[in-house]
Amino acid sequence: MANISNVLSRPTTNIHKDENLQLEFSVPMGDRIAPLVDSDLKNIPEGYAVIVLGYGEQAAYMYPQSVTLNGETIWIPRATRRAIPLSYLNILLDAKETRIIQPKPGAPGVEYEANRFDVQILKLPKDKGEEMKAKIGDIRERAERQQIHVA
């Protein structure tokens, strides 16, 4: 019976406090929180990128974002410099959504594809930087082609 009380008394979550919002968020045990990076961008694990994940327009986009790859989940707090593996950055950049805008009253809505997450990339790993720069260039090019002009 002594073993049961030990199992039940273990915490089931990690707590993350968002300093900007002054709120605490629970992160499930076993999941990781992306490590905070200093302003000098020097304490970065090898193969990691440094990003800032922005807040979004919806209420759910105020919380840390979970990204899962091969069963491992990393939670990325928003509006702070965080180090994440390049494979997780690829997932964030590949996430798209279709949005609709109405250029002017009475005009039909126009669909366009947009990145789901507001990701600022501050630093890329040296060995993989060129591949990622090409991918980012493709994203920028696609966004420019989708510009909507109002007559």
N, C-alpha and C. Protein backbone atom coordinates (compact mmCIF):
# COMPACT_ATOMS: atom_id res chain seq x y z
N MET A 1 0.81 -1.20 0.00
CA MET A 1 0.00 0.00 0.00
C MET A 1 0.85 1.26 0.00
N ALA A 2 2.05 1.20 0.51
CA ALA A 2 2.90 2.39 0.55
C ALA A 2 3.23 2.88 -0.85
N ASN A 3 3.34 1.99 -1.81
CA ASN A 3 3.66 2.39 -3.19
C ASN A 3 2.52 3.20 -3.82
N ILE A 4 1.29 2.90 -3.48
CA ILE A 4 0.15 3.60 -4.06
C ILE A 4 0.18 5.08 -3.68
N SER A 5 0.47 5.39 -2.44
CA SER A 5 0.48 6.80 -2.03
C SER A 5 1.60 7.56 -2.74
N ASN A 6 2.73 6.90 -3.02
CA ASN A 6 3.81 7.58 -3.75
C ASN A 6 3.38 7.92 -5.17
N VAL A 7 2.68 7.00 -5.81
CA VAL A 7 2.22 7.24 -7.17
C VAL A 7 1.20 8.37 -7.20
N LEU A 8 0.27 8.38 -6.27
CA LEU A 8 -0.77 9.39 -6.25
C LEU A 8 -0.26 10.77 -5.86
N SER A 9 0.83 10.84 -5.14
CA SER A 9 1.31 12.14 -4.69
C SER A 9 2.20 12.85 -5.71
N ARG A 10 2.59 12.18 -6.79
CA ARG A 10 3.43 12.82 -7.80
C ARG A 10 2.62 13.85 -8.59
N PRO A 11 3.25 14.97 -8.92
CA PRO A 11 2.52 15.95 -9.72
C PRO A 11 2.29 15.41 -11.13
N THR A 12 1.18 15.78 -11.73
CA THR A 12 0.87 15.31 -13.08
C THR A 12 1.12 16.37 -14.14
N THR A 13 1.52 17.57 -13.73
CA THR A 13 1.77 18.64 -14.69
C THR A 13 2.97 19.47 -14.27
N ASN A 14 3.53 20.16 -15.25
CA ASN A 14 4.51 21.22 -15.00
C ASN A 14 3.74 22.53 -15.08
N ILE A 15 4.16 23.51 -14.35
CA ILE A 15 3.49 24.81 -14.38
C ILE A 15 4.40 25.79 -15.10
N HIS A 16 3.83 26.50 -16.07
CA HIS A 16 4.55 27.55 -16.78
C HIS A 16 3.82 28.86 -16.52
N LYS A 17 4.55 29.89 -16.13
CA LYS A 17 3.94 31.19 -15.89
C LYS A 17 4.30 32.13 -17.03
N ASP A 18 3.28 32.66 -17.68
CA ASP A 18 3.47 33.64 -18.74
C ASP A 18 3.61 35.00 -18.06
N GLU A 19 4.79 35.57 -18.12
CA GLU A 19 5.06 36.84 -17.44
C GLU A 19 4.29 38.00 -18.06
N ASN A 20 4.05 37.94 -19.38
CA ASN A 20 3.33 39.02 -20.04
C ASN A 20 1.86 39.04 -19.64
N LEU A 21 1.23 37.86 -19.60
CA LEU A 21 -0.19 37.78 -19.28
C LEU A 21 -0.45 37.62 -17.79
N GLN A 22 0.61 37.30 -17.02
CA GLN A 22 0.47 37.03 -15.59
C GLN A 22 -0.50 35.88 -15.33
N LEU A 23 -0.37 34.82 -16.14
CA LEU A 23 -1.20 33.62 -15.99
C LEU A 23 -0.31 32.39 -15.89
N GLU A 24 -0.80 31.38 -15.18
CA GLU A 24 -0.09 30.10 -15.10
C GLU A 24 -0.79 29.08 -15.97
N PHE A 25 0.02 28.28 -16.67
CA PHE A 25 -0.50 27.24 -17.55
C PHE A 25 0.08 25.91 -17.13
N SER A 26 -0.73 24.86 -17.23
CA SER A 26 -0.29 23.51 -16.90
C SER A 26 0.21 22.83 -18.17
N VAL A 27 1.36 22.18 -18.06
CA VAL A 27 1.93 21.41 -19.15
C VAL A 27 2.04 19.97 -18.65
N PRO A 28 1.48 19.00 -19.39
CA PRO A 28 1.50 17.61 -18.91
C PRO A 28 2.91 17.09 -18.65
N MET A 29 3.04 16.26 -17.62
CA MET A 29 4.32 15.63 -17.32
C MET A 29 4.74 14.79 -18.51
N GLY A 30 6.02 14.75 -18.79
CA GLY A 30 6.53 14.02 -19.94
C GLY A 30 6.70 14.93 -21.14
N ASP A 31 5.93 16.01 -21.21
CA ASP A 31 6.11 16.99 -22.26
C ASP A 31 7.19 17.98 -21.81
N ARG A 32 7.83 18.61 -22.77
CA ARG A 32 8.88 19.58 -22.45
C ARG A 32 8.42 20.99 -22.79
N ILE A 33 8.98 21.95 -22.10
CA ILE A 33 8.78 23.36 -22.44
C ILE A 33 10.05 23.80 -23.15
N ALA A 34 9.90 24.45 -24.31
CA ALA A 34 11.06 24.92 -25.07
C ALA A 34 11.89 25.83 -24.18
N PRO A 35 13.22 25.61 -24.16
CA PRO A 35 14.06 26.41 -23.27
C PRO A 35 14.12 27.89 -23.68
N LEU A 36 14.14 28.73 -22.67
CA LEU A 36 14.27 30.18 -22.84
C LEU A 36 15.70 30.49 -23.30
N VAL A 37 15.84 31.46 -24.18
CA VAL A 37 17.15 31.85 -24.72
C VAL A 37 17.44 33.28 -24.30
N ASP A 38 18.68 33.54 -23.87
CA ASP A 38 19.09 34.88 -23.49
C ASP A 38 19.12 35.80 -24.71
N SER A 39 19.16 37.10 -24.47
CA SER A 39 19.14 38.07 -25.56
C SER A 39 20.39 37.99 -26.44
N ASP A 40 21.49 37.44 -25.92
CA ASP A 40 22.70 37.32 -26.73
C ASP A 40 22.66 36.12 -27.69
N LEU A 41 21.61 35.29 -27.57
CA LEU A 41 21.40 34.12 -28.43
C LEU A 41 22.58 33.15 -28.43
N LYS A 42 23.25 33.00 -27.29
CA LYS A 42 24.44 32.16 -27.25
C LYS A 42 24.25 30.82 -26.54
N ASN A 43 23.23 30.66 -25.74
CA ASN A 43 23.05 29.41 -24.99
C ASN A 43 22.09 28.47 -25.72
N ILE A 44 22.38 28.22 -27.00
CA ILE A 44 21.47 27.44 -27.84
C ILE A 44 22.04 26.05 -28.07
N PRO A 45 21.25 25.01 -27.81
CA PRO A 45 21.72 23.65 -28.11
C PRO A 45 21.99 23.50 -29.61
N GLU A 46 22.93 22.64 -29.96
CA GLU A 46 23.28 22.42 -31.36
C GLU A 46 22.08 21.84 -32.12
N GLY A 47 21.84 22.35 -33.32
CA GLY A 47 20.74 21.87 -34.13
C GLY A 47 19.40 22.53 -33.82
N TYR A 48 19.41 23.51 -32.95
CA TYR A 48 18.18 24.20 -32.56
C TYR A 48 18.10 25.57 -33.24
N ALA A 49 16.88 26.02 -33.47
CA ALA A 49 16.63 27.37 -33.97
C ALA A 49 16.07 28.19 -32.82
N VAL A 50 16.24 29.49 -32.90
CA VAL A 50 15.67 30.39 -31.90
C VAL A 50 14.52 31.13 -32.56
N ILE A 51 13.35 31.05 -31.93
CA ILE A 51 12.16 31.69 -32.48
C ILE A 51 11.43 32.48 -31.40
N VAL A 52 10.54 33.34 -31.86
CA VAL A 52 9.55 33.97 -30.99
C VAL A 52 8.21 33.66 -31.62
N LEU A 53 7.37 32.99 -30.87
CA LEU A 53 6.03 32.65 -31.34
C LEU A 53 5.07 33.72 -30.83
N GLY A 54 4.44 34.43 -31.76
CA GLY A 54 3.57 35.54 -31.40
C GLY A 54 2.21 35.08 -30.90
N TYR A 55 1.53 35.99 -30.22
CA TYR A 55 0.15 35.76 -29.82
C TYR A 55 -0.71 35.83 -31.08
N GLY A 56 -1.83 35.15 -31.06
CA GLY A 56 -2.72 35.15 -32.22
C GLY A 56 -3.98 35.93 -31.95
N GLU A 57 -4.87 35.90 -32.94
CA GLU A 57 -6.12 36.65 -32.85
C GLU A 57 -7.16 35.94 -32.01
N GLN A 58 -7.09 34.62 -31.94
CA GLN A 58 -8.08 33.85 -31.19
C GLN A 58 -7.60 33.64 -29.75
N ALA A 59 -8.54 33.39 -28.86
CA ALA A 59 -8.20 33.21 -27.45
C ALA A 59 -7.23 32.04 -27.25
N ALA A 60 -7.40 30.97 -28.02
CA ALA A 60 -6.52 29.80 -27.87
C ALA A 60 -5.07 30.12 -28.23
N TYR A 61 -4.86 31.16 -29.03
CA TYR A 61 -3.51 31.54 -29.45
C TYR A 61 -2.80 32.43 -28.43
N MET A 62 -3.35 32.49 -27.23
CA MET A 62 -2.69 33.22 -26.15
C MET A 62 -1.87 32.27 -25.28
N TYR A 63 -2.19 31.00 -25.38
CA TYR A 63 -1.54 29.98 -24.55
C TYR A 63 -0.28 29.46 -25.23
N PRO A 64 0.60 28.79 -24.47
CA PRO A 64 1.74 28.14 -25.12
C PRO A 64 1.23 27.15 -26.17
N GLN A 65 1.96 27.03 -27.26
CA GLN A 65 1.56 26.14 -28.36
C GLN A 65 2.27 24.80 -28.22
N SER A 66 1.51 23.73 -28.32
CA SER A 66 2.13 22.40 -28.29
C SER A 66 2.45 21.99 -29.73
N VAL A 67 3.61 21.37 -29.90
CA VAL A 67 4.02 20.82 -31.19
C VAL A 67 4.51 19.40 -30.91
N THR A 68 3.93 18.42 -31.61
CA THR A 68 4.26 17.02 -31.37
C THR A 68 4.89 16.42 -32.60
N LEU A 69 5.96 15.67 -32.39
CA LEU A 69 6.65 14.96 -33.46
C LEU A 69 7.08 13.61 -32.92
N ASN A 70 6.66 12.55 -33.59
CA ASN A 70 7.01 11.18 -33.18
C ASN A 70 6.70 10.91 -31.71
N GLY A 71 5.57 11.42 -31.24
CA GLY A 71 5.13 11.16 -29.88
C GLY A 71 5.76 12.04 -28.81
N GLU A 72 6.68 12.93 -29.19
CA GLU A 72 7.30 13.84 -28.22
C GLU A 72 6.74 15.24 -28.42
N THR A 73 6.27 15.82 -27.33
CA THR A 73 5.63 17.13 -27.39
C THR A 73 6.49 18.19 -26.72
N ILE A 74 6.63 19.30 -27.43
CA ILE A 74 7.30 20.48 -26.88
C ILE A 74 6.26 21.59 -26.83
N TRP A 75 6.19 22.28 -25.72
CA TRP A 75 5.30 23.43 -25.56
C TRP A 75 6.14 24.69 -25.75
N ILE A 76 5.65 25.58 -26.60
CA ILE A 76 6.38 26.80 -26.91
C ILE A 76 5.60 27.99 -26.37
N PRO A 77 6.11 28.59 -25.28
CA PRO A 77 5.46 29.79 -24.75
C PRO A 77 5.56 30.94 -25.77
N ARG A 78 4.62 31.82 -25.74
CA ARG A 78 4.55 32.91 -26.70
C ARG A 78 5.27 34.16 -26.21
N ALA A 79 5.71 34.95 -27.18
CA ALA A 79 6.32 36.28 -26.94
C ALA A 79 7.62 36.22 -26.14
N THR A 80 8.33 35.10 -26.19
CA THR A 80 9.65 34.98 -25.57
C THR A 80 10.56 34.22 -26.52
N ARG A 81 11.87 34.48 -26.42
CA ARG A 81 12.85 33.78 -27.26
C ARG A 81 12.97 32.34 -26.77
N ARG A 82 12.71 31.38 -27.66
CA ARG A 82 12.75 29.97 -27.30
C ARG A 82 13.57 29.18 -28.31
N ALA A 83 14.29 28.18 -27.82
CA ALA A 83 15.07 27.28 -28.68
C ALA A 83 14.25 26.03 -28.94
N ILE A 84 14.09 25.70 -30.22
CA ILE A 84 13.37 24.48 -30.59
C ILE A 84 14.16 23.74 -31.67
N PRO A 85 14.03 22.41 -31.70
CA PRO A 85 14.69 21.66 -32.77
C PRO A 85 14.14 22.08 -34.13
N LEU A 86 14.97 22.00 -35.14
CA LEU A 86 14.59 22.41 -36.48
C LEU A 86 13.38 21.65 -37.00
N SER A 87 13.25 20.38 -36.65
CA SER A 87 12.10 19.58 -37.12
C SER A 87 10.79 20.15 -36.58
N TYR A 88 10.79 20.70 -35.38
CA TYR A 88 9.59 21.30 -34.81
C TYR A 88 9.30 22.65 -35.48
N LEU A 89 10.34 23.38 -35.84
CA LEU A 89 10.16 24.63 -36.58
C LEU A 89 9.51 24.35 -37.93
N ASN A 90 9.94 23.28 -38.59
CA ASN A 90 9.33 22.90 -39.87
C ASN A 90 7.83 22.67 -39.72
N ILE A 91 7.43 22.04 -38.64
CA ILE A 91 6.00 21.79 -38.40
C ILE A 91 5.25 23.12 -38.27
N LEU A 92 5.81 24.05 -37.52
CA LEU A 92 5.16 25.36 -37.36
C LEU A 92 5.04 26.09 -38.70
N LEU A 93 6.10 26.03 -39.50
CA LEU A 93 6.09 26.74 -40.78
C LEU A 93 5.18 26.07 -41.81
N ASP A 94 5.01 24.76 -41.70
CA ASP A 94 4.15 24.04 -42.64
C ASP A 94 2.66 24.17 -42.30
N ALA A 95 2.35 24.63 -41.11
CA ALA A 95 0.94 24.76 -40.69
C ALA A 95 0.31 25.96 -41.40
N LYS A 96 -0.69 25.69 -42.21
CA LYS A 96 -1.37 26.74 -42.99
C LYS A 96 -2.85 26.73 -42.65
N GLU A 97 -3.49 27.83 -42.94
CA GLU A 97 -4.93 27.91 -42.81
C GLU A 97 -5.47 28.79 -43.93
N THR A 98 -6.72 28.55 -44.28
CA THR A 98 -7.37 29.36 -45.31
C THR A 98 -8.16 30.45 -44.60
N ARG A 99 -7.94 31.66 -45.04
CA ARG A 99 -8.67 32.80 -44.48
C ARG A 99 -9.50 33.43 -45.59
N ILE A 100 -10.51 34.14 -45.20
CA ILE A 100 -11.36 34.83 -46.15
C ILE A 100 -11.44 36.29 -45.76
N ILE A 101 -11.23 37.16 -46.73
CA ILE A 101 -11.43 38.59 -46.48
C ILE A 101 -12.45 39.11 -47.47
N GLN A 102 -13.11 40.17 -47.09
CA GLN A 102 -14.03 40.84 -47.99
C GLN A 102 -13.39 42.18 -48.33
N PRO A 103 -12.89 42.32 -49.56
CA PRO A 103 -12.14 43.53 -49.92
C PRO A 103 -12.89 44.83 -49.69
N LYS A 104 -14.20 44.81 -49.96
CA LYS A 104 -15.02 46.00 -49.72
C LYS A 104 -16.46 45.55 -49.53
N PRO A 105 -17.29 46.35 -48.87
CA PRO A 105 -18.68 45.95 -48.63
C PRO A 105 -19.40 45.58 -49.93
N GLY A 106 -20.11 44.47 -49.88
CA GLY A 106 -20.87 44.02 -51.03
C GLY A 106 -20.08 43.14 -52.00
N ALA A 107 -18.76 43.15 -51.88
CA ALA A 107 -17.92 42.32 -52.75
C ALA A 107 -17.85 40.91 -52.18
N PRO A 108 -17.73 39.91 -53.05
CA PRO A 108 -17.62 38.54 -52.54
C PRO A 108 -16.30 38.35 -51.77
N GLY A 109 -16.34 37.42 -50.83
CA GLY A 109 -15.14 37.12 -50.06
C GLY A 109 -14.06 36.50 -50.94
N VAL A 110 -12.81 36.73 -50.57
CA VAL A 110 -11.67 36.18 -51.30
C VAL A 110 -10.88 35.30 -50.34
N GLU A 111 -10.65 34.06 -50.75
CA GLU A 111 -9.86 33.13 -49.92
C GLU A 111 -8.38 33.32 -50.20
N TYR A 112 -7.59 33.15 -49.14
CA TYR A 112 -6.15 33.12 -49.31
C TYR A 112 -5.54 32.22 -48.25
N GLU A 113 -4.38 31.69 -48.55
CA GLU A 113 -3.69 30.80 -47.62
C GLU A 113 -2.72 31.63 -46.78
N ALA A 114 -2.70 31.35 -45.49
CA ALA A 114 -1.82 32.09 -44.58
C ALA A 114 -1.15 31.12 -43.62
N ASN A 115 -0.02 31.55 -43.09
CA ASN A 115 0.63 30.76 -42.05
C ASN A 115 -0.28 30.76 -40.83
N ARG A 116 -0.40 29.61 -40.19
CA ARG A 116 -1.26 29.53 -39.01
C ARG A 116 -0.63 30.25 -37.82
N PHE A 117 0.69 30.21 -37.73
CA PHE A 117 1.37 30.78 -36.57
C PHE A 117 2.24 31.95 -36.97
N ASP A 118 2.28 32.94 -36.10
CA ASP A 118 3.16 34.09 -36.26
C ASP A 118 4.52 33.70 -35.66
N VAL A 119 5.44 33.28 -36.53
CA VAL A 119 6.75 32.81 -36.07
C VAL A 119 7.83 33.77 -36.55
N GLN A 120 8.59 34.30 -35.61
CA GLN A 120 9.76 35.10 -35.95
C GLN A 120 10.97 34.22 -35.72
N ILE A 121 11.79 34.06 -36.74
CA ILE A 121 13.00 33.24 -36.62
C ILE A 121 14.16 34.17 -36.36
N LEU A 122 14.76 34.02 -35.19
CA LEU A 122 15.87 34.89 -34.80
C LEU A 122 17.23 34.30 -35.17
N LYS A 123 17.32 32.97 -35.13
CA LYS A 123 18.61 32.33 -35.42
C LYS A 123 18.36 30.90 -35.89
N LEU A 124 19.08 30.50 -36.91
CA LEU A 124 19.01 29.13 -37.43
C LEU A 124 20.31 28.41 -37.14
N PRO A 125 20.29 27.08 -37.05
CA PRO A 125 21.53 26.35 -36.87
C PRO A 125 22.44 26.57 -38.08
N LYS A 126 23.73 26.64 -37.85
CA LYS A 126 24.69 26.91 -38.93
C LYS A 126 24.64 25.85 -40.02
N ASP A 127 24.54 24.59 -39.64
CA ASP A 127 24.62 23.51 -40.62
C ASP A 127 23.36 23.37 -41.46
N LYS A 128 22.22 23.83 -41.00
CA LYS A 128 20.95 23.67 -41.73
C LYS A 128 20.36 25.00 -42.18
N GLY A 129 21.09 26.06 -41.99
CA GLY A 129 20.56 27.39 -42.27
C GLY A 129 20.17 27.62 -43.71
N GLU A 130 20.95 27.12 -44.67
CA GLU A 130 20.68 27.37 -46.08
C GLU A 130 19.38 26.70 -46.53
N GLU A 131 19.15 25.46 -46.07
CA GLU A 131 17.91 24.76 -46.42
C GLU A 131 16.69 25.53 -45.90
N MET A 132 16.79 25.99 -44.67
CA MET A 132 15.66 26.70 -44.06
C MET A 132 15.45 28.05 -44.72
N LYS A 133 16.52 28.74 -45.10
CA LYS A 133 16.38 30.03 -45.78
C LYS A 133 15.65 29.85 -47.11
N ALA A 134 15.91 28.76 -47.81
CA ALA A 134 15.21 28.48 -49.07
C ALA A 134 13.72 28.26 -48.81
N LYS A 135 13.41 27.53 -47.76
CA LYS A 135 12.01 27.26 -47.41
C LYS A 135 11.30 28.57 -47.04
N ILE A 136 11.96 29.41 -46.27
CA ILE A 136 11.38 30.70 -45.87
C ILE A 136 11.18 31.58 -47.10
N GLY A 137 12.12 31.54 -48.04
CA GLY A 137 11.98 32.30 -49.28
C GLY A 137 10.76 31.84 -50.07
N ASP A 138 10.52 30.53 -50.10
CA ASP A 138 9.33 30.00 -50.79
C ASP A 138 8.05 30.49 -50.13
N ILE A 139 8.03 30.52 -48.80
CA ILE A 139 6.85 31.00 -48.07
C ILE A 139 6.61 32.47 -48.39
N ARG A 140 7.68 33.26 -48.40
CA ARG A 140 7.56 34.70 -48.69
C ARG A 140 7.05 34.91 -50.12
N GLU A 141 7.59 34.14 -51.06
CA GLU A 141 7.18 34.24 -52.46
C GLU A 141 5.70 33.91 -52.62
N ARG A 142 5.25 32.84 -51.97
CA ARG A 142 3.85 32.43 -52.05
C ARG A 142 2.95 33.53 -51.47
N ALA A 143 3.38 34.15 -50.38
CA ALA A 143 2.59 35.24 -49.78
C ALA A 143 2.49 36.43 -50.72
N GLU A 144 3.57 36.76 -51.40
CA GLU A 144 3.55 37.88 -52.34
C GLU A 144 2.63 37.60 -53.52
N ARG A 145 2.58 36.36 -53.99
CA ARG A 145 1.71 36.03 -55.11
C ARG A 145 0.24 36.13 -54.73
N GLN A 146 -0.06 35.98 -53.44
CA GLN A 146 -1.45 35.98 -52.98
C GLN A 146 -1.94 37.37 -52.60
N GLN A 147 -1.15 38.41 -52.83
CA GLN A 147 -1.59 39.74 -52.45
C GLN A 147 -2.90 40.06 -53.16
N ILE A 148 -3.80 40.65 -52.42
CA ILE A 148 -5.12 40.97 -52.93
C ILE A 148 -5.19 42.47 -53.18
N HIS A 149 -5.57 42.82 -54.39
CA HIS A 149 -5.67 44.24 -54.75
C HIS A 149 -7.14 44.64 -54.80
N VAL A 150 -7.47 45.71 -54.14
CA VAL A 150 -8.84 46.20 -54.10
C VAL A 150 -9.00 47.29 -55.15
N ALA A 151 -9.98 47.10 -56.02
CA ALA A 151 -10.19 48.08 -57.11
C ALA A 151 -11.04 49.24 -56.62
